[in-house]
Structures are given as structure tokens and as C-alpha cells.
């Protein structure tokens, strides 16, 4: 049995704050919520982006079918119910008031308005997937309302998946001002979505790189408790991050390891505030605390303190890092990955340099060894049964080096 490699917090530059020191910060969206604000929990504002600059947006991931509408800016989408794509030239809007309006799924970045009629693979709402080519071919026509006076017809013709390239067509309802567009998303692959202005017939970069932001303050279409779609101002979570909400708790609450992480689009959402019909201002919901997990798996506490409303769009909040662990492979002779992380019942440890004679240890933050697992190949499953939620250290020790990784156990 290998001698346990004891690791203490100081040797790992480990910082776990039992009660983080919160600092006050704010963002200003502008009058009428004119801008959406992309925010990094450590560095602050990353980008202020005009909210009305784009009408539709395409997910840049080559194997995504997600297409959003700018529903927070009043854009509404309708599926044309009278024919398939063969009816492009004869499309009419008779009866449009009875058609079902479609908005983006407030909980899922992938499920944009264009996909709301999806029936499941291979039907993705606006088109069908080809198992041989892996491309999607559009099979539906849409009418899109940009504002109270502007309606267009639009057809997503095809997506060439491997090339991350869309072709689509849009025109006035009478067929005039037709545009055929080929949109190459590959140069923008670091961003989650690439926007397009149907008004100006041009692409719009409205997001920073997905790795640079954690949350975005914006206006979007949500669903009220009675099922009614309603435009709200709130906070959406980066698709690679997650949050936890605790309510009701005292504002000095910090025990974030409880409960499950929420990785939905609107985990924070809009209802941390409430309109006061007496004062005609907004009140912040009492006893409401959020924790945001970022790209590095660091955890940040977030407490809203004030909301100015549409006059300035200013949102005030307190924030602070609750968990920070600066752990790097040491030395670089061995490269190791943990999946999933956070984990619940097990974590898979993989690495190209793992070999017979390698051992994996799981220790808590005091350095106590909880697991010791020999490795006979390039991967191993570490059993987490009985391990309480919290932060732990996974150490892989082999003849070619040692790797130290942070692991979050969450249930």
C-alpha cells in the first residue's frame, strides 16, 4: 500500500472562506433596460451589449440546433401552419391571431423559439437531422414579428453541422426584399450564440466569449405562475455554470454545499425582486441568497440589495468568493481529468499518463485520507458513497509525477 500523500490547505494555496467578505457592486442596463450586461463574478462587467442590436441568434456549437429570438426586445415567432417549405411563395398570414406565439425556453439555452415544436430526434422543430450527413434540413416556415408594424417570413433552410454554417432566407410577407444568407459560425465558436439583424441584414456579435462571463443581466420572456408569457428583467446563467438559491435564510448564510446545483438558463431569474404597488418602486425579496459556480468551479455568494427599475436599469448587489482553490498539476509530467465535477456517487479519473503502479487518494480539506485506490489502466472510478457534500482533493501519484485536483461532491 502506498504511503498516503498528505496535503494541507497551505501547500495548495487553498482558500475556503467560511464566511466570505462581501463587496458591493452594481450594473446599469440603462433607461428602459437598453443594454444587457455580461458579468464575471471575479472581474465584474465584461460587456455591455445593446439589447436591440439583433433579432435572431444561432448557437455556434457545430452540433447544436439552437436558434433564439430576441424575445426580450419584443420579437415573436409563429410557425406557419398551412404548408411545409413548398408554400414559401404563397405564404399568407390570414388567421395569424389564432396561431400560437413561440418564445425561447426560459430554462434551456438550447431550446430556442425555433425549436419549440420539436418532436424529439430527428425532429428539431425547424428542421430534421440526417443520420448520415449529420446535417439538418429545414422543413418549416415561420412568420416573425420584429415590432408592431414589421412582420417577415423566414425559412431556416439548412445547417451544415461540421462546418457550423447555416443557410436561411427571409423576406417581406409579399415576397419582396428577399435575402438568402449563409452564416458561418465557426470564426465565432468561442461565443455561445452569434446574432443576426434581420432589420439591417447583418451578423451581430452580442456576446463575449463564453469562458469570460458567468451571468448576464438582461430582459427576456419568462412564464408567469399562471402560464402566461411575460417579458421580465432578470439574470440568466452562463450555459457552462450553475447556481444555488437558498430561501428563506439569513443574509449571512454561507453553507452552499447543501442542495443540488441548478444549471438551467434562469436559475437566478427575475423573482428576487417584487413590484410595490404602494410606493411604485421595487422591493428586494427578503432572506434570499444565491451562490454562483464559475468555470473554475469556484463558488461566489450573491445577494441582491436594490433594483431601480426602468428609469436607469440599475441593479445593486453584494458578492464575495466563498470557495477558491488554486490547484494545478504538479509537476506537468502527468495530466489528469475528473468527470463529472461536481460529482455525486462516483467520479471518473482519466489521464493519458496513468499506468500500473499509480494510486489515487481522496482527502478532505484537513488532509485526512478518505479513499486510496490503485490504478491498473488509464482510467479509474472513484467511489464517493458515504462522502458528505463538500470540497475534496483528488491526488494522482505515479512514477511520472503527481497531479492534484479539486473535487466538489454535491447531492
Protein backbone atom coordinates (compact mmCIF):
# COMPACT_ATOMS: atom_id res chain seq x y z
CA UNK A 1 0.00 0.00 0.00
CA UNK A 2 1.37 3.38 -0.95
CA UNK A 3 2.08 5.89 1.79
CA UNK A 4 -0.70 8.46 1.78
CA UNK A 5 0.26 11.80 0.31
CA UNK A 6 -0.94 14.21 2.97
CA UNK A 7 -1.98 17.60 1.59
CA UNK A 8 -2.89 20.57 3.74
CA UNK A 9 -4.51 23.78 2.70
CA UNK A 10 -1.39 25.91 2.84
CA UNK A 11 0.58 23.73 0.44
CA UNK A 12 -2.18 24.00 -2.17
CA UNK A 13 -2.85 27.71 -1.94
CA UNK A 14 -6.28 26.62 -0.74
CA UNK A 15 -8.72 29.32 0.28
CA UNK A 16 -12.07 28.24 1.60
CA UNK A 17 -13.85 31.10 3.30
CA UNK A 18 -16.35 30.05 5.94
CA UNK A 19 -17.93 33.49 5.73
CA UNK A 20 -16.83 35.47 2.67
CA UNK A 21 -16.25 39.18 2.85
CA UNK A 22 -18.86 40.66 0.54
CA UNK A 23 -18.22 43.73 -1.58
CA UNK A 24 -20.88 45.99 -3.03
CA UNK A 25 -21.18 46.23 -6.81
CA UNK A 26 -23.75 47.27 -9.39
CA UNK A 27 -24.57 47.18 -13.08
CA UNK A 28 -26.58 49.73 -15.05
CA UNK A 29 -28.60 48.49 -18.00
CA UNK A 30 -29.76 51.97 -18.97
CA UNK A 31 -33.18 53.57 -19.27
CA UNK A 32 -35.74 51.04 -20.49
CA UNK A 33 -33.13 48.28 -19.94
CA UNK A 34 -31.43 49.33 -23.17
CA UNK A 35 -28.38 47.11 -22.65
CA UNK A 36 -27.70 43.63 -21.39
CA UNK A 37 -24.69 43.31 -19.12
CA UNK A 38 -22.37 40.29 -19.23
CA UNK A 39 -20.71 39.88 -15.85
CA UNK A 40 -17.80 37.92 -14.41
CA UNK A 41 -18.13 37.18 -10.70
CA UNK A 42 -14.43 37.91 -10.15
CA UNK A 43 -13.68 40.66 -12.65
CA UNK A 44 -17.01 42.50 -12.91
CA UNK A 45 -18.60 43.80 -16.11
CA UNK A 46 -17.24 42.12 -19.25
CA UNK A 47 -19.51 43.63 -21.91
CA UNK A 48 -22.47 45.99 -22.15
CA UNK A 49 -24.36 44.99 -25.29
CA UNK A 50 -27.27 46.90 -26.90
CA UNK A 51 -30.29 44.68 -26.39
CA UNK A 52 -31.97 45.69 -29.66
CA UNK A 53 -28.97 45.02 -31.93
CA UNK A 54 -30.10 41.57 -33.08
CA UNK A 55 -33.33 39.77 -33.93
CA UNK A 56 -32.35 36.09 -34.06
CA UNK A 57 -29.25 34.22 -32.88
CA UNK A 58 -27.63 30.92 -33.83
CA UNK A 59 -25.77 28.67 -31.42
CA UNK A 60 -22.22 28.34 -32.68
CA UNK A 61 -21.67 24.76 -31.49
CA UNK A 62 -21.42 22.62 -34.66
CA UNK A 63 -23.80 20.01 -33.28
CA UNK A 64 -26.42 22.33 -31.82
CA UNK A 65 -29.76 23.18 -33.41
CA UNK A 66 -30.47 26.11 -31.09
CA UNK A 67 -31.82 29.31 -32.67
CA UNK A 68 -33.04 32.10 -30.37
CA UNK A 69 -35.31 35.05 -30.98
CA UNK A 70 -34.73 38.35 -29.19
CA UNK A 71 -37.96 37.88 -27.26
CA UNK A 72 -36.89 40.34 -24.58
CA UNK A 73 -36.95 43.01 -27.28
CA UNK A 74 -40.44 42.11 -28.42
CA UNK A 75 -39.62 39.61 -31.19
CA UNK A 76 -42.34 36.96 -31.58
CA UNK A 77 -42.17 33.84 -33.76
CA UNK A 78 -45.03 31.85 -35.32
CA UNK A 79 -44.87 28.55 -37.16
CA UNK A 80 -46.71 28.78 -40.49
CA UNK A 81 -49.49 26.17 -40.14
CA UNK A 82 -50.75 25.94 -43.72
CA UNK A 83 -47.90 24.21 -45.55
CA UNK A 84 -44.33 22.99 -45.40
CA UNK A 85 -41.47 24.80 -47.16
CA UNK A 86 -43.14 24.38 -50.54
CA UNK A 87 -45.51 27.16 -49.54
CA UNK A 88 -42.85 29.87 -49.36
CA UNK A 89 -44.12 31.86 -52.36
CA UNK A 90 -47.78 31.72 -51.32
CA UNK A 91 -47.41 32.23 -47.56
CA UNK A 92 -50.17 34.37 -46.07
CA UNK A 93 -50.99 35.49 -42.53
CA UNK A 94 -54.76 35.03 -42.54
CA UNK A 95 -55.71 33.80 -39.08
CA UNK A 96 -52.37 34.78 -37.52
CA UNK A 97 -54.14 35.95 -34.36
CA UNK A 98 -55.04 32.33 -33.67
CA UNK A 99 -51.50 30.99 -34.17
CA UNK A 100 -49.51 30.13 -31.06
CA UNK A 101 -46.69 32.61 -30.38
CA UNK A 102 -43.34 30.97 -29.68
CA UNK A 103 -40.62 32.20 -27.34
CA UNK A 104 -37.31 30.85 -26.12
CA UNK A 105 -37.45 28.31 -23.32
CA UNK A 106 -36.57 30.39 -20.23
CA UNK A 107 -34.84 27.38 -18.66
CA UNK A 108 -32.84 25.96 -21.57
CA UNK A 109 -30.32 27.83 -23.77
CA UNK A 110 -30.58 25.13 -26.43
CA UNK A 111 -34.36 25.22 -26.76
CA UNK A 112 -34.80 28.48 -28.66
CA UNK A 113 -38.08 29.68 -30.14
CA UNK A 114 -37.38 27.99 -33.49
CA UNK A 115 -37.24 24.60 -31.73
CA UNK A 116 -40.40 24.89 -29.65
CA UNK A 117 -42.32 22.47 -31.89
CA UNK A 118 -39.60 19.81 -31.77
CA UNK A 119 -40.91 16.25 -31.51
CA UNK A 120 -37.62 14.67 -30.50
CA UNK A 121 -34.79 13.23 -32.57
CA UNK A 122 -34.66 13.51 -35.56
CA UNK A 123 -37.24 16.35 -35.48
CA UNK A 124 -35.70 19.52 -34.03
CA UNK A 125 -38.61 21.87 -34.67
CA UNK A 126 -37.32 23.94 -37.56
CA UNK A 127 -35.67 21.01 -39.32
CA UNK A 128 -34.82 17.32 -39.39
CA UNK A 129 -31.50 15.66 -38.64
CA UNK A 130 -29.86 13.36 -41.20
CA UNK A 131 -28.09 10.41 -39.53
CA UNK A 132 -25.73 10.01 -42.49
CA UNK A 133 -24.60 13.59 -43.13
CA UNK A 134 -25.32 14.88 -39.58
CA UNK A 135 -26.79 18.00 -41.19
CA UNK A 136 -30.23 19.47 -40.52
CA UNK A 137 -32.65 20.34 -43.30
CA UNK A 138 -35.37 22.90 -42.68
CA UNK A 139 -38.92 21.61 -43.05
CA UNK A 140 -40.93 24.52 -41.64
CA UNK A 141 -41.77 28.11 -42.50
CA UNK A 142 -42.14 30.87 -39.93
CA UNK A 143 -43.57 34.34 -39.59
CA UNK A 144 -41.52 36.59 -37.34
CA UNK A 145 -42.79 39.78 -35.75
CA UNK A 146 -39.96 42.26 -35.16
CA UNK A 147 -42.16 45.04 -33.81
CA UNK A 148 -45.76 46.22 -34.00
CA UNK A 149 -45.50 47.10 -37.70
CA UNK A 150 -42.83 44.77 -39.13
CA UNK A 151 -43.57 41.14 -39.98
CA UNK A 152 -41.31 38.94 -42.11
CA UNK A 153 -41.38 35.38 -43.34
CA UNK A 154 -38.32 33.25 -42.64
CA UNK A 155 -37.07 29.79 -43.58
CA UNK A 156 -34.07 28.13 -41.96
CA UNK A 157 -33.02 26.13 -44.99
CA UNK A 158 -30.13 24.05 -43.69
CA UNK A 159 -27.36 23.66 -41.16
CA UNK A 160 -24.07 22.11 -42.24
CA UNK A 161 -23.16 20.76 -38.83
CA UNK A 162 -19.44 20.05 -39.13
CA UNK A 163 -18.83 23.48 -40.65
CA UNK A 164 -21.15 25.25 -38.17
CA UNK A 165 -22.77 27.03 -41.12
CA UNK A 166 -26.44 27.96 -41.54
CA UNK A 167 -28.28 28.97 -44.68
CA UNK A 168 -31.57 30.80 -44.29
CA UNK A 169 -33.95 33.02 -46.24
CA UNK A 170 -36.13 35.90 -45.14
CA UNK A 171 -38.35 38.38 -46.94
CA UNK A 172 -41.28 40.71 -46.53
CA UNK A 173 -44.61 38.91 -46.37
CA UNK A 174 -45.32 39.80 -50.02
CA UNK A 175 -42.02 38.24 -51.11
CA UNK A 176 -40.16 41.50 -51.72
CA UNK A 177 -36.78 42.31 -50.15
CA UNK A 178 -35.80 38.64 -50.12
CA UNK A 179 -32.37 37.79 -48.69
CA UNK A 180 -30.55 34.45 -48.86
CA UNK A 181 -27.92 34.27 -46.15
CA UNK A 182 -25.05 31.91 -45.46
CA UNK A 183 -23.87 32.40 -41.89
CA UNK A 184 -20.53 30.87 -40.90
CA UNK A 185 -20.44 30.49 -37.12
CA UNK A 186 -17.03 28.82 -36.96
CA UNK A 187 -14.99 32.05 -36.55
CA UNK A 188 -17.19 32.84 -33.53
CA UNK A 189 -17.03 29.41 -31.91
CA UNK A 190 -15.76 30.85 -28.61
CA UNK A 191 -19.09 32.67 -28.22
CA UNK A 192 -22.21 30.70 -27.34
CA UNK A 193 -24.53 32.49 -29.79
CA UNK A 194 -24.00 34.65 -32.88
CA UNK A 195 -26.70 37.21 -33.54
CA UNK A 196 -28.23 38.38 -36.78
CA UNK A 197 -30.15 41.58 -37.50
CA UNK A 198 -32.96 40.97 -39.97
CA UNK A 199 -33.56 44.71 -39.91
CA UNK A 200 -30.03 45.54 -41.07
CA UNK A 201 -29.26 42.23 -42.80
CA UNK A 202 -26.00 41.62 -40.95
CA UNK A 203 -24.41 39.48 -38.25
CA UNK A 204 -24.07 40.85 -34.73
CA UNK A 205 -21.58 39.77 -32.08
CA UNK A 206 -23.56 40.50 -28.95
CA UNK A 207 -21.88 38.10 -26.51
CA UNK A 208 -18.33 37.87 -25.17
CA UNK A 209 -16.52 34.53 -25.24
CA UNK A 210 -18.48 32.02 -23.19
CA UNK A 211 -15.44 31.43 -20.95
CA UNK A 212 -15.31 35.10 -19.96
CA UNK A 213 -18.69 35.62 -18.27
CA UNK A 214 -20.73 33.96 -15.54
CA UNK A 215 -24.13 35.70 -15.56
CA UNK A 216 -25.95 38.19 -17.77
CA UNK A 217 -28.35 40.92 -16.66
CA UNK A 218 -30.98 41.19 -19.38
CA UNK A 219 -34.63 41.29 -20.38
CA UNK A 220 -36.19 38.06 -21.59
CA UNK A 221 -39.53 36.31 -21.93
CA UNK A 222 -40.43 34.24 -18.89
CA UNK A 223 -43.56 32.41 -17.86
CA UNK A 224 -45.73 33.64 -15.00
CA UNK A 225 -47.19 31.19 -12.45
CA UNK A 226 -50.47 31.11 -14.39
CA UNK A 227 -48.60 30.05 -17.55
CA UNK A 228 -48.72 33.47 -19.26
CA UNK A 229 -45.58 34.51 -21.17
CA UNK A 230 -44.33 37.84 -19.85
CA UNK A 231 -41.25 39.95 -20.50
CA UNK A 232 -39.13 40.30 -17.35
CA UNK A 233 -35.82 41.83 -16.35
CA UNK A 234 -33.54 39.43 -14.55
CA UNK A 235 -30.37 37.38 -14.55
CA UNK A 236 -29.52 34.40 -16.77
CA UNK A 237 -26.72 31.93 -16.06
CA UNK A 238 -23.85 31.05 -18.40
CA UNK A 239 -24.63 27.64 -20.01
CA UNK A 240 -21.43 26.19 -18.51
CA UNK A 241 -22.10 27.43 -14.97
CA UNK A 242 -24.66 26.69 -12.26
CA UNK A 243 -26.30 28.34 -9.28
CA UNK A 244 -27.93 27.52 -5.97
CA UNK A 245 -30.70 29.56 -4.36
CA UNK A 246 -31.45 29.44 -0.65
CA UNK A 247 -34.67 30.97 0.70
CA UNK A 248 -35.58 31.83 3.36
CA UNK A 249 -32.19 32.11 5.03
CA UNK A 250 -30.35 34.87 6.91
CA UNK A 251 -28.21 37.02 4.65
CA UNK A 252 -25.03 35.77 6.37
CA UNK A 253 -25.87 32.20 5.24
CA UNK A 254 -22.87 30.53 3.58
CA UNK A 255 -23.42 26.74 3.73
CA UNK A 256 -23.61 26.41 -0.06
CA UNK A 257 -22.74 22.68 -0.19
CA UNK A 258 -26.36 21.83 0.57
CA UNK A 259 -28.87 21.07 -2.20
CA UNK A 260 -28.39 20.43 -5.90
CA UNK A 261 -26.80 22.78 -8.42
CA UNK A 262 -29.25 24.39 -10.85
CA UNK A 263 -27.74 24.58 -14.33
CA UNK A 264 -30.86 25.95 -16.05
CA UNK A 265 -30.78 29.21 -18.01
CA UNK A 266 -32.87 31.15 -15.49
CA UNK A 267 -31.81 29.63 -12.19
CA UNK A 268 -31.47 33.14 -10.76
CA UNK A 269 -34.18 34.60 -12.96
CA UNK A 270 -36.30 37.63 -12.15
CA UNK A 271 -38.23 36.99 -8.93
CA UNK A 272 -35.54 38.17 -6.49
CA UNK A 273 -37.47 41.44 -6.64
CA UNK A 274 -41.14 42.41 -6.43
CA UNK A 275 -43.02 45.49 -7.55
CA UNK A 276 -44.53 47.53 -4.73
CA UNK A 277 -47.86 48.97 -5.83
CA UNK A 278 -47.90 51.42 -2.94
CA UNK A 279 -44.50 53.04 -3.44
CA UNK A 280 -44.33 52.30 -7.18
CA UNK A 281 -40.80 51.01 -6.69
CA UNK A 282 -39.24 47.57 -6.46
CA UNK A 283 -38.55 45.73 -3.20
CA UNK A 284 -35.85 43.09 -2.88
CA UNK A 285 -37.16 39.72 -1.69
CA UNK A 286 -36.14 39.12 1.93
CA UNK A 287 -33.91 36.28 3.08
CA UNK A 288 -32.75 35.38 -0.43
CA UNK A 289 -29.17 34.20 -1.09
CA UNK A 290 -27.58 32.85 -4.29
CA UNK A 291 -24.32 31.03 -4.96
CA UNK A 292 -22.78 31.02 -8.44
CA UNK A 293 -20.35 28.31 -9.55
CA UNK A 294 -18.00 29.64 -12.24
CA UNK A 295 -15.87 28.00 -14.95
CA UNK A 296 -13.11 27.19 -12.46
CA UNK A 297 -15.60 25.60 -10.04
CA UNK A 298 -15.03 28.47 -7.64
CA UNK A 299 -18.19 29.46 -5.78
CA UNK A 300 -19.37 33.06 -5.31
CA UNK A 301 -22.07 34.35 -2.99
CA UNK A 302 -24.57 36.81 -4.49
CA UNK A 303 -27.11 38.91 -2.59
CA UNK A 304 -29.28 41.49 -4.36
CA UNK A 305 -29.72 44.77 -2.47
CA UNK A 306 -31.65 47.16 -4.75
CA UNK A 307 -33.33 47.47 -8.16
CA UNK A 308 -34.03 50.87 -9.69
CA UNK A 309 -36.46 49.72 -12.38
CA UNK A 310 -36.72 51.01 -15.92
CA UNK A 311 -35.66 54.61 -15.16
CA UNK A 312 -31.98 53.60 -15.11
CA UNK A 313 -31.94 49.82 -15.09
CA UNK A 314 -29.50 49.88 -12.18
CA UNK A 315 -29.13 46.70 -10.11
CA UNK A 316 -27.18 46.70 -6.86
CA UNK A 317 -25.82 43.60 -5.16
CA UNK A 318 -23.19 42.26 -2.78
CA UNK A 319 -20.84 39.49 -3.84
CA UNK A 320 -17.93 37.50 -2.45
CA UNK A 321 -15.95 34.37 -3.20
CA UNK A 322 -16.99 31.56 -0.86
CA UNK A 323 -14.72 28.84 -2.19
CA UNK A 324 -11.45 29.21 -4.04
CA UNK A 325 -8.90 26.52 -4.64
CA UNK A 326 -5.76 27.23 -6.71
CA UNK A 327 -4.75 23.68 -7.51
CA UNK A 328 -2.60 22.83 -10.54
CA UNK A 329 -0.94 19.66 -11.79
CA UNK A 330 2.44 19.28 -10.13
CA UNK A 331 4.61 18.56 -11.90
CA UNK A 332 3.44 18.72 -15.53
CA UNK A 333 4.52 15.12 -16.17
CA UNK A 334 1.01 13.79 -15.56
CA UNK A 335 -2.25 15.20 -16.92
CA UNK A 336 -5.49 14.14 -15.22
CA UNK A 337 -9.18 14.93 -15.67
CA UNK A 338 -12.15 14.40 -13.35
CA UNK A 339 -15.65 13.77 -14.68
CA UNK A 340 -18.21 14.68 -13.58
CA UNK A 341 -17.13 17.54 -11.34
CA UNK A 342 -19.16 18.33 -9.26
CA UNK A 343 -19.94 14.65 -8.68
CA UNK A 344 -22.41 12.75 -6.53
CA UNK A 345 -21.90 8.98 -6.29
CA UNK A 346 -18.69 8.50 -8.27
CA UNK A 347 -16.08 10.36 -10.27
CA UNK A 348 -14.10 9.01 -13.21
CA UNK A 349 -10.39 9.81 -13.15
CA UNK A 350 -8.70 9.71 -16.56
CA UNK A 351 -5.25 10.56 -17.84
CA UNK A 352 -3.02 9.63 -20.73
CA UNK A 353 -0.04 9.01 -18.43
CA UNK A 354 -1.75 6.81 -15.86
CA UNK A 355 -0.23 3.36 -15.61
CA UNK A 356 0.06 0.32 -13.39
CA UNK A 357 1.52 1.37 -10.05
CA UNK A 358 -0.43 4.61 -9.92
CA UNK A 359 -2.53 5.38 -6.85
CA UNK A 360 -5.40 7.81 -6.38
CA UNK A 361 -6.12 9.33 -2.98
CA UNK A 362 -9.16 11.32 -1.91
CA UNK A 363 -8.57 13.64 1.05
CA UNK A 364 -10.68 16.19 2.83
CA UNK A 365 -9.50 19.75 3.46
CA UNK A 366 -7.81 18.77 6.70
CA UNK A 367 -5.62 16.29 4.84
CA UNK A 368 -7.46 13.19 6.12
CA UNK A 369 -7.36 10.36 3.56
CA UNK A 370 -10.82 9.03 2.74
CA UNK A 371 -10.06 6.81 -0.25
CA UNK A 372 -6.95 5.06 -1.58
CA UNK A 373 -7.38 3.41 -4.98
CA UNK A 374 -4.77 1.60 -7.07
CA UNK A 375 -4.94 2.18 -10.84
CA UNK A 376 -4.23 -0.51 -13.42
CA UNK A 377 -5.05 1.40 -16.59
CA UNK A 378 -5.68 4.86 -17.98
CA UNK A 379 -8.92 5.42 -16.07
CA UNK A 380 -10.48 4.60 -12.72
CA UNK A 381 -13.81 5.15 -10.99
CA UNK A 382 -13.56 6.62 -7.52
CA UNK A 383 -16.50 5.58 -5.34
CA UNK A 384 -17.99 8.51 -3.41
CA UNK A 385 -20.58 6.53 -1.45
CA UNK A 386 -20.79 7.91 2.05
CA UNK A 387 -18.77 11.03 1.23
CA UNK A 388 -20.57 14.12 2.52
CA UNK A 389 -21.17 17.08 0.17
CA UNK A 390 -18.24 19.48 0.19
CA UNK A 391 -14.81 20.19 -1.31
CA UNK A 392 -12.17 17.47 -1.50
CA UNK A 393 -8.73 16.87 -3.00
CA UNK A 394 -8.06 14.11 -5.53
CA UNK A 395 -4.36 13.28 -5.82
CA UNK A 396 -2.98 11.02 -8.54
CA UNK A 397 0.54 9.80 -7.71
CA UNK A 398 2.58 7.88 -10.26
CA UNK A 399 6.15 7.34 -11.32
CA UNK A 400 5.88 10.14 -13.88
CA UNK A 401 4.57 12.78 -11.49
CA UNK A 402 1.77 13.90 -9.21
CA UNK A 403 -1.45 15.66 -10.11
CA UNK A 404 -3.68 17.42 -7.60
CA UNK A 405 -7.27 18.30 -8.46
CA UNK A 406 -10.16 19.90 -6.64
CA UNK A 407 -13.37 17.83 -6.48
CA UNK A 408 -16.78 19.10 -5.41
CA UNK A 409 -19.21 16.49 -4.07
CA UNK A 410 -22.81 17.69 -4.37
CA UNK A 411 -26.12 15.89 -3.93
